[in-house]
Amino acid sequence: MDEEELRERRAAELEFVAAAYSPDEAWTSNFDKVHRRLLLDQEDVEVELVLSMPPGYPVCETAPLSIRASLTNKSSRTSGRTNNSSSKRVGNALPSLLEACRTVALHCALEQVEAVFAVLTRADEWVDQDFTQKCLPCDDESPNTLGVSLPERQTTVTTQMIVLGRRVIYSHHIIASSKRRALAEL
């Protein structure tokens, strides 16, 4: 694969992020990084996931996406205070998020396919399933602090299915370079 085609594949992934997410949800930087803000229900902190495309990505088995995560303070945007137990709970859960995302990235590298969409989807699944259902509260809190009532949960799932549909349509129909070229020629 030549360098031009490699750049085109990487650019298509960055274009996908811009098209599928609002600028507050996800953004790109330096032509090789994807930032994704993960919102955690009932928490005072958010997670910023950063995916970096190393040289050789996505066609080199030894060049999977580099993934890191950090806590960001919701209150820095809303002028409130951070609950220390929320920071602790989410901080303790970050290794699980990183492991889930890195596993997907490694699988994609072995298959020599683009990983951004798959990793971001896995991160969303982690928020909805793994964190919400499995993350235990800190000792100083009651177990019900992470619970979400059924009507709230159903609304969240419905909204996310609509967004996922938009992302799947984009990735299936427009991420392929031959299809993009055909659309551009119209």
N, C-alpha and C. Protein backbone atom coordinates (compact mmCIF):
# COMPACT_ATOMS: atom_id res chain seq x y z
N MET A 1 0.85 -1.17 0.00
CA MET A 1 0.00 0.00 0.00
C MET A 1 0.89 1.24 0.00
N ASP A 2 0.59 2.17 -0.88
CA ASP A 2 1.42 3.37 -0.95
C ASP A 2 1.01 4.39 0.13
N GLU A 3 1.89 5.35 0.33
CA GLU A 3 1.70 6.35 1.39
C GLU A 3 0.44 7.18 1.17
N GLU A 4 0.11 7.46 -0.08
CA GLU A 4 -1.09 8.25 -0.38
C GLU A 4 -2.36 7.53 0.06
N GLU A 5 -2.44 6.25 -0.22
CA GLU A 5 -3.62 5.47 0.18
C GLU A 5 -3.69 5.36 1.70
N LEU A 6 -2.56 5.22 2.34
CA LEU A 6 -2.52 5.16 3.81
C LEU A 6 -3.05 6.47 4.40
N ARG A 7 -2.60 7.59 3.87
CA ARG A 7 -3.10 8.90 4.35
C ARG A 7 -4.60 9.03 4.11
N GLU A 8 -5.05 8.55 2.98
CA GLU A 8 -6.48 8.63 2.65
C GLU A 8 -7.31 7.81 3.65
N ARG A 9 -6.85 6.64 4.00
CA ARG A 9 -7.59 5.80 4.95
C ARG A 9 -7.63 6.46 6.33
N ARG A 10 -6.51 7.04 6.74
CA ARG A 10 -6.48 7.72 8.04
C ARG A 10 -7.38 8.96 8.02
N ALA A 11 -7.34 9.70 6.93
CA ALA A 11 -8.19 10.90 6.81
C ALA A 11 -9.67 10.53 6.83
N ALA A 12 -10.02 9.39 6.23
CA ALA A 12 -11.41 8.95 6.23
C ALA A 12 -11.89 8.68 7.65
N GLU A 13 -11.04 8.14 8.48
CA GLU A 13 -11.43 7.90 9.87
C GLU A 13 -11.63 9.21 10.62
N LEU A 14 -10.75 10.18 10.37
CA LEU A 14 -10.90 11.48 11.02
C LEU A 14 -12.18 12.17 10.53
N GLU A 15 -12.49 12.04 9.25
CA GLU A 15 -13.72 12.60 8.70
C GLU A 15 -14.94 11.94 9.33
N PHE A 16 -14.84 10.64 9.56
CA PHE A 16 -15.94 9.93 10.21
C PHE A 16 -16.24 10.53 11.58
N VAL A 17 -15.21 10.79 12.36
CA VAL A 17 -15.41 11.35 13.70
C VAL A 17 -16.11 12.70 13.61
N ALA A 18 -15.67 13.53 12.68
CA ALA A 18 -16.29 14.85 12.51
C ALA A 18 -17.75 14.73 12.08
N ALA A 19 -18.06 13.73 11.27
CA ALA A 19 -19.42 13.57 10.76
C ALA A 19 -20.36 12.88 11.76
N ALA A 20 -19.84 11.96 12.52
CA ALA A 20 -20.68 11.13 13.37
C ALA A 20 -20.90 11.68 14.77
N TYR A 21 -20.06 12.60 15.21
CA TYR A 21 -20.15 13.13 16.57
C TYR A 21 -20.23 14.65 16.54
N SER A 22 -20.85 15.20 17.57
CA SER A 22 -20.82 16.67 17.70
C SER A 22 -19.43 17.07 18.19
N PRO A 23 -19.03 18.32 17.96
CA PRO A 23 -17.70 18.76 18.41
C PRO A 23 -17.51 18.67 19.92
N ASP A 24 -18.60 18.66 20.67
CA ASP A 24 -18.49 18.52 22.12
C ASP A 24 -18.27 17.06 22.53
N GLU A 25 -18.69 16.12 21.69
CA GLU A 25 -18.54 14.70 21.98
C GLU A 25 -17.18 14.16 21.55
N ALA A 26 -16.71 14.58 20.37
CA ALA A 26 -15.46 14.06 19.82
C ALA A 26 -14.85 15.08 18.87
N TRP A 27 -13.54 15.08 18.80
CA TRP A 27 -12.82 16.00 17.92
C TRP A 27 -11.48 15.38 17.58
N THR A 28 -10.82 15.95 16.57
CA THR A 28 -9.53 15.45 16.13
C THR A 28 -8.47 16.52 16.33
N SER A 29 -7.22 16.09 16.38
CA SER A 29 -6.10 17.02 16.49
C SER A 29 -4.87 16.44 15.81
N ASN A 30 -4.01 17.31 15.33
CA ASN A 30 -2.72 16.94 14.73
C ASN A 30 -2.82 15.93 13.58
N PHE A 31 -3.97 15.80 12.96
CA PHE A 31 -4.17 14.89 11.83
C PHE A 31 -3.90 13.43 12.16
N ASP A 32 -3.76 13.10 13.47
CA ASP A 32 -3.55 11.70 13.82
C ASP A 32 -4.13 11.32 15.18
N LYS A 33 -4.91 12.22 15.79
CA LYS A 33 -5.48 11.93 17.11
C LYS A 33 -6.98 12.14 17.10
N VAL A 34 -7.67 11.26 17.80
CA VAL A 34 -9.11 11.37 18.01
C VAL A 34 -9.34 11.49 19.50
N HIS A 35 -10.09 12.50 19.89
CA HIS A 35 -10.46 12.70 21.30
C HIS A 35 -11.95 12.42 21.42
N ARG A 36 -12.33 11.66 22.44
CA ARG A 36 -13.74 11.35 22.66
C ARG A 36 -14.08 11.59 24.13
N ARG A 37 -15.06 12.44 24.36
CA ARG A 37 -15.52 12.70 25.72
C ARG A 37 -16.62 11.69 26.05
N LEU A 38 -16.38 10.91 27.10
CA LEU A 38 -17.36 9.92 27.53
C LEU A 38 -18.10 10.47 28.74
N LEU A 39 -19.41 10.59 28.62
CA LEU A 39 -20.22 11.10 29.71
C LEU A 39 -20.74 9.94 30.53
N LEU A 40 -20.52 10.02 31.82
CA LEU A 40 -20.95 8.97 32.73
C LEU A 40 -22.13 9.49 33.54
N ASP A 41 -23.29 8.83 33.40
CA ASP A 41 -24.49 9.26 34.13
C ASP A 41 -24.22 9.32 35.62
N GLN A 42 -24.74 10.33 36.26
CA GLN A 42 -24.71 10.51 37.70
C GLN A 42 -23.29 10.63 38.26
N GLU A 43 -22.35 11.04 37.48
CA GLU A 43 -20.98 11.23 37.94
C GLU A 43 -20.58 12.68 37.73
N ASP A 44 -19.68 13.17 38.59
CA ASP A 44 -19.20 14.54 38.49
C ASP A 44 -17.99 14.67 37.58
N VAL A 45 -17.51 13.56 37.06
CA VAL A 45 -16.34 13.58 36.18
C VAL A 45 -16.69 12.93 34.86
N GLU A 46 -15.90 13.25 33.86
CA GLU A 46 -16.01 12.64 32.54
C GLU A 46 -14.69 11.98 32.22
N VAL A 47 -14.69 11.16 31.21
CA VAL A 47 -13.47 10.51 30.74
C VAL A 47 -13.16 11.05 29.36
N GLU A 48 -11.92 11.47 29.16
CA GLU A 48 -11.47 11.83 27.82
C GLU A 48 -10.61 10.69 27.30
N LEU A 49 -11.07 10.08 26.23
CA LEU A 49 -10.36 8.99 25.59
C LEU A 49 -9.60 9.57 24.41
N VAL A 50 -8.32 9.26 24.28
CA VAL A 50 -7.51 9.78 23.18
C VAL A 50 -6.93 8.59 22.41
N LEU A 51 -7.25 8.55 21.12
CA LEU A 51 -6.74 7.51 20.22
C LEU A 51 -5.70 8.16 19.31
N SER A 52 -4.51 7.61 19.29
CA SER A 52 -3.43 8.13 18.44
C SER A 52 -3.09 7.10 17.38
N MET A 53 -2.94 7.59 16.14
CA MET A 53 -2.60 6.72 15.01
C MET A 53 -1.09 6.72 14.82
N PRO A 54 -0.43 5.62 15.11
CA PRO A 54 1.03 5.58 14.92
C PRO A 54 1.39 5.41 13.45
N PRO A 55 2.64 5.67 13.08
CA PRO A 55 3.06 5.43 11.70
C PRO A 55 2.78 3.97 11.32
N GLY A 56 2.28 3.76 10.13
CA GLY A 56 1.95 2.41 9.68
C GLY A 56 0.51 2.01 9.92
N TYR A 57 -0.19 2.74 10.77
CA TYR A 57 -1.60 2.45 11.01
C TYR A 57 -2.40 2.83 9.78
N PRO A 58 -3.34 2.09 9.32
CA PRO A 58 -3.94 0.87 9.85
C PRO A 58 -3.47 -0.42 9.18
N VAL A 59 -2.42 -0.38 8.40
CA VAL A 59 -2.04 -1.57 7.62
C VAL A 59 -0.94 -2.40 8.25
N CYS A 60 -0.36 -1.95 9.32
CA CYS A 60 0.74 -2.67 9.95
C CYS A 60 0.25 -3.36 11.23
N GLU A 61 0.43 -4.68 11.28
CA GLU A 61 0.00 -5.45 12.45
C GLU A 61 0.63 -4.95 13.75
N THR A 62 1.82 -4.40 13.66
CA THR A 62 2.53 -3.95 14.86
C THR A 62 2.27 -2.48 15.18
N ALA A 63 1.26 -1.89 14.54
CA ALA A 63 0.97 -0.48 14.77
C ALA A 63 -0.51 -0.27 15.12
N PRO A 64 -0.96 -0.86 16.26
CA PRO A 64 -2.35 -0.61 16.66
C PRO A 64 -2.51 0.82 17.17
N LEU A 65 -3.75 1.27 17.24
CA LEU A 65 -4.01 2.58 17.84
C LEU A 65 -3.42 2.62 19.24
N SER A 66 -2.85 3.75 19.58
CA SER A 66 -2.40 3.99 20.95
C SER A 66 -3.57 4.64 21.68
N ILE A 67 -3.92 4.12 22.84
CA ILE A 67 -5.11 4.58 23.54
C ILE A 67 -4.75 4.97 24.97
N ARG A 68 -5.22 6.16 25.35
CA ARG A 68 -5.07 6.58 26.75
C ARG A 68 -6.36 7.24 27.19
N ALA A 69 -6.55 7.29 28.49
CA ALA A 69 -7.77 7.89 29.04
C ALA A 69 -7.40 8.71 30.26
N SER A 70 -8.14 9.79 30.44
CA SER A 70 -7.91 10.62 31.62
C SER A 70 -9.24 11.17 32.10
N LEU A 71 -9.28 11.51 33.37
CA LEU A 71 -10.48 12.10 33.96
C LEU A 71 -10.49 13.59 33.68
N THR A 72 -11.65 14.10 33.35
CA THR A 72 -11.83 15.54 33.24
C THR A 72 -12.97 15.92 34.16
N ASN A 73 -12.92 17.11 34.65
CA ASN A 73 -13.87 17.58 35.63
C ASN A 73 -15.06 18.22 34.94
N LYS A 74 -16.24 17.65 35.13
CA LYS A 74 -17.45 18.25 34.56
C LYS A 74 -17.65 19.64 35.14
N SER A 75 -17.31 19.81 36.39
CA SER A 75 -17.57 21.09 37.05
C SER A 75 -16.71 22.22 36.49
N SER A 76 -15.63 21.89 35.79
CA SER A 76 -14.84 22.96 35.18
C SER A 76 -15.64 23.64 34.08
N ARG A 77 -16.63 22.93 33.51
CA ARG A 77 -17.49 23.52 32.49
C ARG A 77 -18.78 24.06 33.09
N THR A 78 -19.15 23.58 34.30
CA THR A 78 -20.41 24.01 34.89
C THR A 78 -20.21 24.79 36.18
N SER A 79 -19.01 25.11 36.54
CA SER A 79 -18.67 25.91 37.73
C SER A 79 -19.18 25.31 39.03
N GLY A 80 -18.99 24.03 39.19
CA GLY A 80 -19.35 23.37 40.44
C GLY A 80 -18.15 22.69 41.04
N ARG A 81 -18.38 21.90 42.09
CA ARG A 81 -17.29 21.18 42.72
C ARG A 81 -17.36 19.71 42.35
N THR A 82 -16.21 19.06 42.33
CA THR A 82 -16.16 17.65 42.00
C THR A 82 -16.33 16.81 43.25
N ASN A 83 -17.10 15.76 43.14
CA ASN A 83 -17.28 14.80 44.21
C ASN A 83 -16.07 13.87 44.17
N ASN A 84 -15.31 13.83 45.24
CA ASN A 84 -14.08 13.05 45.29
C ASN A 84 -14.37 11.56 45.11
N SER A 85 -15.50 11.07 45.63
CA SER A 85 -15.80 9.65 45.47
C SER A 85 -16.11 9.32 44.01
N SER A 86 -16.69 10.26 43.26
CA SER A 86 -16.91 10.03 41.83
C SER A 86 -15.59 9.89 41.11
N SER A 87 -14.65 10.78 41.42
CA SER A 87 -13.32 10.71 40.79
C SER A 87 -12.66 9.38 41.11
N LYS A 88 -12.79 8.95 42.34
CA LYS A 88 -12.17 7.69 42.76
C LYS A 88 -12.82 6.51 42.04
N ARG A 89 -14.14 6.48 42.02
CA ARG A 89 -14.87 5.38 41.39
C ARG A 89 -14.51 5.29 39.90
N VAL A 90 -14.57 6.42 39.21
CA VAL A 90 -14.28 6.42 37.77
C VAL A 90 -12.80 6.11 37.53
N GLY A 91 -11.92 6.70 38.34
CA GLY A 91 -10.49 6.42 38.21
C GLY A 91 -10.17 4.95 38.37
N ASN A 92 -10.84 4.30 39.30
CA ASN A 92 -10.63 2.86 39.51
C ASN A 92 -11.14 2.04 38.33
N ALA A 93 -12.09 2.57 37.59
CA ALA A 93 -12.66 1.84 36.46
C ALA A 93 -11.88 2.05 35.16
N LEU A 94 -11.02 3.07 35.09
CA LEU A 94 -10.31 3.37 33.84
C LEU A 94 -9.49 2.20 33.29
N PRO A 95 -8.79 1.41 34.12
CA PRO A 95 -8.05 0.27 33.54
C PRO A 95 -8.95 -0.70 32.78
N SER A 96 -10.18 -0.87 33.25
CA SER A 96 -11.12 -1.74 32.56
C SER A 96 -11.48 -1.15 31.19
N LEU A 97 -11.71 0.15 31.12
CA LEU A 97 -12.01 0.82 29.85
C LEU A 97 -10.84 0.67 28.89
N LEU A 98 -9.64 0.96 29.37
CA LEU A 98 -8.46 0.87 28.51
C LEU A 98 -8.24 -0.55 27.99
N GLU A 99 -8.44 -1.53 28.85
CA GLU A 99 -8.27 -2.92 28.42
C GLU A 99 -9.28 -3.28 27.34
N ALA A 100 -10.53 -2.88 27.53
CA ALA A 100 -11.57 -3.18 26.54
C ALA A 100 -11.24 -2.53 25.19
N CYS A 101 -10.86 -1.27 25.22
CA CYS A 101 -10.56 -0.55 23.98
C CYS A 101 -9.29 -1.06 23.31
N ARG A 102 -8.27 -1.34 24.10
CA ARG A 102 -7.00 -1.83 23.53
C ARG A 102 -7.16 -3.22 22.92
N THR A 103 -8.02 -4.03 23.50
CA THR A 103 -8.28 -5.36 22.94
C THR A 103 -8.87 -5.23 21.54
N VAL A 104 -9.82 -4.33 21.38
CA VAL A 104 -10.43 -4.10 20.07
C VAL A 104 -9.38 -3.56 19.09
N ALA A 105 -8.56 -2.60 19.54
CA ALA A 105 -7.54 -2.02 18.68
C ALA A 105 -6.53 -3.07 18.21
N LEU A 106 -6.13 -3.96 19.11
CA LEU A 106 -5.18 -5.02 18.74
C LEU A 106 -5.81 -5.99 17.73
N HIS A 107 -7.06 -6.33 17.94
CA HIS A 107 -7.75 -7.21 16.99
C HIS A 107 -7.80 -6.57 15.60
N CYS A 108 -8.13 -5.30 15.56
CA CYS A 108 -8.19 -4.59 14.27
C CYS A 108 -6.81 -4.52 13.62
N ALA A 109 -5.76 -4.33 14.42
CA ALA A 109 -4.40 -4.28 13.87
C ALA A 109 -4.02 -5.63 13.25
N LEU A 110 -4.39 -6.70 13.91
CA LEU A 110 -4.09 -8.02 13.35
C LEU A 110 -4.84 -8.27 12.05
N GLU A 111 -6.02 -7.72 11.94
CA GLU A 111 -6.81 -7.84 10.71
C GLU A 111 -6.41 -6.78 9.67
N GLN A 112 -5.58 -5.82 10.08
CA GLN A 112 -5.13 -4.71 9.23
C GLN A 112 -6.30 -3.90 8.69
N VAL A 113 -7.22 -3.57 9.62
CA VAL A 113 -8.38 -2.75 9.28
C VAL A 113 -8.44 -1.54 10.21
N GLU A 114 -9.20 -0.56 9.80
CA GLU A 114 -9.36 0.66 10.59
C GLU A 114 -10.02 0.32 11.92
N ALA A 115 -9.58 1.01 12.98
CA ALA A 115 -10.03 0.66 14.32
C ALA A 115 -10.80 1.77 15.04
N VAL A 116 -10.78 2.99 14.54
CA VAL A 116 -11.37 4.10 15.28
C VAL A 116 -12.84 3.84 15.59
N PHE A 117 -13.63 3.50 14.58
CA PHE A 117 -15.06 3.26 14.80
C PHE A 117 -15.26 2.12 15.80
N ALA A 118 -14.54 1.03 15.64
CA ALA A 118 -14.70 -0.12 16.53
C ALA A 118 -14.32 0.23 17.97
N VAL A 119 -13.25 0.98 18.15
CA VAL A 119 -12.81 1.35 19.50
C VAL A 119 -13.80 2.32 20.15
N LEU A 120 -14.26 3.31 19.39
CA LEU A 120 -15.23 4.26 19.95
C LEU A 120 -16.55 3.56 20.29
N THR A 121 -16.95 2.61 19.48
CA THR A 121 -18.15 1.84 19.77
C THR A 121 -17.96 1.03 21.04
N ARG A 122 -16.79 0.42 21.19
CA ARG A 122 -16.53 -0.37 22.41
C ARG A 122 -16.50 0.53 23.64
N ALA A 123 -15.97 1.73 23.51
CA ALA A 123 -15.95 2.67 24.63
C ALA A 123 -17.38 3.03 25.04
N ASP A 124 -18.24 3.27 24.05
CA ASP A 124 -19.65 3.56 24.36
C ASP A 124 -20.32 2.37 25.04
N GLU A 125 -20.02 1.17 24.57
CA GLU A 125 -20.57 -0.04 25.21
C GLU A 125 -20.07 -0.15 26.64
N TRP A 126 -18.81 0.17 26.86
CA TRP A 126 -18.24 0.10 28.22
C TRP A 126 -19.00 1.05 29.15
N VAL A 127 -19.28 2.25 28.68
CA VAL A 127 -20.02 3.22 29.50
C VAL A 127 -21.41 2.69 29.81
N ASP A 128 -22.10 2.19 28.79
CA ASP A 128 -23.49 1.75 28.96
C ASP A 128 -23.62 0.45 29.73
N GLN A 129 -22.68 -0.47 29.54
CA GLN A 129 -22.83 -1.79 30.13
C GLN A 129 -21.85 -2.03 31.27
N ASP A 130 -20.58 -2.02 30.97
CA ASP A 130 -19.58 -2.40 31.97
C ASP A 130 -19.55 -1.44 33.15
N PHE A 131 -19.43 -0.15 32.88
CA PHE A 131 -19.34 0.82 33.98
C PHE A 131 -20.65 0.89 34.74
N THR A 132 -21.75 1.05 34.04
CA THR A 132 -23.05 1.23 34.68
C THR A 132 -23.46 0.01 35.48
N GLN A 133 -23.19 -1.18 34.98
CA GLN A 133 -23.66 -2.39 35.63
C GLN A 133 -22.64 -3.01 36.59
N LYS A 134 -21.36 -2.83 36.35
CA LYS A 134 -20.36 -3.56 37.12
C LYS A 134 -19.52 -2.72 38.06
N CYS A 135 -19.48 -1.42 37.85
CA CYS A 135 -18.63 -0.57 38.68
C CYS A 135 -19.23 -0.48 40.08
N LEU A 136 -18.47 -0.90 41.04
CA LEU A 136 -18.95 -0.86 42.42
C LEU A 136 -18.73 0.51 43.01
N PRO A 137 -19.68 0.99 43.83
CA PRO A 137 -19.49 2.29 44.47
C PRO A 137 -18.39 2.22 45.52
N CYS A 138 -17.84 3.38 45.87
CA CYS A 138 -16.85 3.45 46.94
C CYS A 138 -17.49 3.06 48.25
N ASP A 139 -16.68 2.71 49.23
CA ASP A 139 -17.18 2.25 50.51
C ASP A 139 -18.08 3.25 51.21
N ASP A 140 -17.89 4.55 50.99
CA ASP A 140 -18.65 5.56 51.70
C ASP A 140 -19.97 5.91 51.02
N GLU A 141 -20.40 5.12 50.04
CA GLU A 141 -21.65 5.40 49.36
C GLU A 141 -22.55 4.18 49.37
N SER A 142 -23.82 4.41 49.23
CA SER A 142 -24.76 3.30 49.16
C SER A 142 -24.70 2.69 47.76
N PRO A 143 -25.04 1.40 47.64
CA PRO A 143 -24.97 0.74 46.34
C PRO A 143 -25.94 1.32 45.32
N ASN A 144 -26.94 2.07 45.72
CA ASN A 144 -27.94 2.58 44.79
C ASN A 144 -27.50 3.83 44.04
N THR A 145 -26.35 4.38 44.33
CA THR A 145 -25.96 5.63 43.69
C THR A 145 -25.70 5.49 42.20
N LEU A 146 -25.42 4.26 41.74
CA LEU A 146 -25.19 4.07 40.31
C LEU A 146 -26.44 3.61 39.59
N GLY A 147 -27.50 3.32 40.32
CA GLY A 147 -28.70 2.80 39.70
C GLY A 147 -29.38 3.83 38.81
N VAL A 148 -29.95 3.35 37.73
CA VAL A 148 -30.70 4.21 36.83
C VAL A 148 -32.09 3.62 36.74
N SER A 149 -33.11 4.43 36.91
CA SER A 149 -34.47 3.92 36.86
C SER A 149 -34.76 3.39 35.46
N LEU A 150 -35.68 2.48 35.34
CA LEU A 150 -35.98 1.86 34.06
C LEU A 150 -36.39 2.85 32.98
N PRO A 151 -37.30 3.80 33.27
CA PRO A 151 -37.65 4.75 32.20
C PRO A 151 -36.46 5.56 31.71
N GLU A 152 -35.58 6.00 32.63
CA GLU A 152 -34.40 6.75 32.20
C GLU A 152 -33.52 5.88 31.31
N ARG A 153 -33.33 4.64 31.70
CA ARG A 153 -32.47 3.72 30.96
C ARG A 153 -33.02 3.49 29.56
N GLN A 154 -34.34 3.32 29.44
CA GLN A 154 -34.93 3.09 28.13
C GLN A 154 -34.74 4.29 27.22
N THR A 155 -34.88 5.50 27.74
CA THR A 155 -34.67 6.71 26.96
C THR A 155 -33.24 6.78 26.47
N THR A 156 -32.28 6.47 27.35
CA THR A 156 -30.87 6.50 26.99
C THR A 156 -30.59 5.51 25.88
N VAL A 157 -31.10 4.29 26.00
CA VAL A 157 -30.85 3.27 24.99
C VAL A 157 -31.46 3.68 23.65
N THR A 158 -32.67 4.20 23.65
CA THR A 158 -33.33 4.62 22.41
C THR A 158 -32.53 5.71 21.71
N THR A 159 -32.09 6.72 22.45
CA THR A 159 -31.31 7.80 21.89
C THR A 159 -30.01 7.28 21.29
N GLN A 160 -29.35 6.37 22.00
CA GLN A 160 -28.07 5.86 21.52
C GLN A 160 -28.25 5.00 20.27
N MET A 161 -29.37 4.30 20.15
CA MET A 161 -29.58 3.49 18.95
C MET A 161 -29.75 4.39 17.73
N ILE A 162 -30.38 5.54 17.88
CA ILE A 162 -30.53 6.47 16.77
C ILE A 162 -29.16 6.98 16.34
N VAL A 163 -28.33 7.36 17.29
CA VAL A 163 -26.98 7.86 16.99
C VAL A 163 -26.15 6.75 16.37
N LEU A 164 -26.24 5.54 16.91
CA LEU A 164 -25.47 4.43 16.37
C LEU A 164 -25.87 4.18 14.92
N GLY A 165 -27.15 4.27 14.63
CA GLY A 165 -27.60 4.08 13.25
C GLY A 165 -26.94 5.05 12.31
N ARG A 166 -26.85 6.32 12.70
CA ARG A 166 -26.20 7.33 11.88
C ARG A 166 -24.74 6.96 11.66
N ARG A 167 -24.07 6.48 12.70
CA ARG A 167 -22.66 6.12 12.59
C ARG A 167 -22.46 4.89 11.72
N VAL A 168 -23.33 3.92 11.85
CA VAL A 168 -23.21 2.70 11.05
C VAL A 168 -23.43 3.03 9.58
N ILE A 169 -24.42 3.84 9.28
CA ILE A 169 -24.66 4.23 7.89
C ILE A 169 -23.43 4.92 7.32
N TYR A 170 -22.85 5.86 8.07
CA TYR A 170 -21.67 6.56 7.58
C TYR A 170 -20.52 5.58 7.35
N SER A 171 -20.25 4.74 8.35
CA SER A 171 -19.08 3.87 8.22
C SER A 171 -19.28 2.84 7.11
N HIS A 172 -20.49 2.39 6.92
CA HIS A 172 -20.73 1.38 5.89
C HIS A 172 -20.73 1.96 4.48
N HIS A 173 -21.32 3.13 4.33
CA HIS A 173 -21.50 3.66 2.99
C HIS A 173 -20.47 4.68 2.54
N ILE A 174 -19.85 5.38 3.46
CA ILE A 174 -19.01 6.49 3.04
C ILE A 174 -17.54 6.30 3.41
N ILE A 175 -17.22 5.41 4.35
CA ILE A 175 -15.82 5.28 4.77
C ILE A 175 -14.99 4.56 3.70
N ALA A 176 -15.61 3.76 2.87
CA ALA A 176 -14.87 3.07 1.81
C ALA A 176 -14.39 4.10 0.79
N SER A 177 -13.10 4.10 0.50
CA SER A 177 -12.53 5.12 -0.39
C SER A 177 -13.14 5.05 -1.79
N SER A 178 -13.44 3.87 -2.28
CA SER A 178 -14.03 3.78 -3.62
C SER A 178 -15.43 4.40 -3.66
N LYS A 179 -16.19 4.23 -2.59
CA LYS A 179 -17.52 4.83 -2.53
C LYS A 179 -17.44 6.35 -2.38
N ARG A 180 -16.45 6.82 -1.61
CA ARG A 180 -16.27 8.27 -1.47
C ARG A 180 -15.92 8.89 -2.82
N ARG A 181 -15.01 8.22 -3.55
CA ARG A 181 -14.63 8.71 -4.87
C ARG A 181 -15.84 8.76 -5.81
N ALA A 182 -16.66 7.72 -5.75
CA ALA A 182 -17.86 7.67 -6.61
C ALA A 182 -18.82 8.79 -6.25
N LEU A 183 -18.98 9.08 -4.97
CA LEU A 183 -19.83 10.20 -4.55
C LEU A 183 -19.26 11.52 -5.01
N ALA A 184 -17.95 11.68 -4.93
CA ALA A 184 -17.31 12.93 -5.33
C ALA A 184 -17.45 13.16 -6.84
N GLU A 185 -17.50 12.08 -7.61
CA GLU A 185 -17.60 12.20 -9.07
C GLU A 185 -19.01 12.53 -9.53
N LEU A 186 -20.00 12.42 -8.64
CA LEU A 186 -21.40 12.70 -9.03
C LEU A 186 -21.62 14.13 -9.39
